[in-house]
Amino acid sequence: MSGGLTDIASIRVGHADDPRAQSGVTAVVFDAPTVAAVDIRGGGPGTRETDLLDPERTVPGVDALVLSGGSVFGLDAASGVTAWLAETGRGFAVGPARVPIVPAAILFDLLNGGDKAWGRYPPYRDLGFAAAAKAGTGPVAMGSVGAGLGARTANLKGGLGSASAAVEGTGLRVAALVAVNALGRVTVGDGPHFWAAPFEIGAEFGGLGSPATPAPDAFAWPVKPMPGANTTIAVVATDARLTKAEARRLAVMAQDGLARAIVPAHTPLDGDLVFSAATGAVPLTDPVGDLARLGDAAARVLARAVALGVYHASALPVAGAQGAWRDRFGG
């Protein structure tokens, strides 16, 4: 069985949840500083330290990436991951000091029914520390866990998904991890079929394929209780040796995976964002051709991860909770 993002060597993933708040954090920790980039397509993103990822910036690599619930409060999760990295001696050297580099992105889950009356300080710093401390190389837990715990979509419970694949003809591998909290639908209308069905491997999210004819409601505009209560955030990673500019191109191409798996995507009401990371273990034989193949594979892997996040999700144990795909359609 695929481990998802952890199929890329030297990448660890950890989750931490707050059952009371019905929110959580996912930390992606690298064994060594890793080239990274970002592409932001949504109209309402929430981020930390993403400017450092521009190709012209000085810092060559990151120590971790963070995906968190909690809207702006969730940005505190990066402080917890930073603290854990500092305790382990990690970070960009500035004289005798070490400064951990931890870009982060958040999604909005403040209205999902969980108790957000956390007092003066939200729980996300401690959740970030716990997620980093738990980060491991085993298969990535999916569904209602970590940053996907409180996630929702237009019609079904959202969640966290992860997938990987070999990149044909290159000797490379690419993987994705995504917290699906979209304005749009991941399914074709209100039926069981996933928009990402053409990219499914085996029956990893039900094996239902695509409907012969889309339902009348397939492209109906989704109704959400509040504008801005959305955002799908993701990490795509590869073992390829990329520059920061090439990693940026990978993130740009990978964004197509969101558009293939969520309808609509990249709206003014979402903060859709994709981080990319390249561990550098395998050099590109053909810098242009291999990167093109890599980006194409990344989009397909990310589309699969989106479907897997919803497929594995469970309804929240709160009044009026949104139904989960498995509750409605089995699987």
Foldseek 3Di string as FASTA:
>chain_A
DDLFPLVQPQWWKFKFADLQQLWIKMKIFGNAFWQKAKDWQAQDWDKDPRVCLPQVHDDFGAGMEMEIEDPNLLVLLQLLLQVLCVVVVAADDDDPDGGHHYMYTYAYLNPQFHDQPPDPHGPNSVRSNNRNVRIDSGRDDAALTHRQVRACELAARFMKFKFKDAQPPWRKIKMKIKRFRYPFDLAQFNDLHGLLQVLDDDCLQHNPHHDPDGDPRRQPRGDDPDQQNGEMEMEMEMQEADGSVLNNVLNVLLVLLCPSRTPHPSYSRYGYMYMYIYNHNHYTPDVVVVSVSNSPRNSSNSNNRRSNNQSRHCWRPGPPTRHGSCVVPND
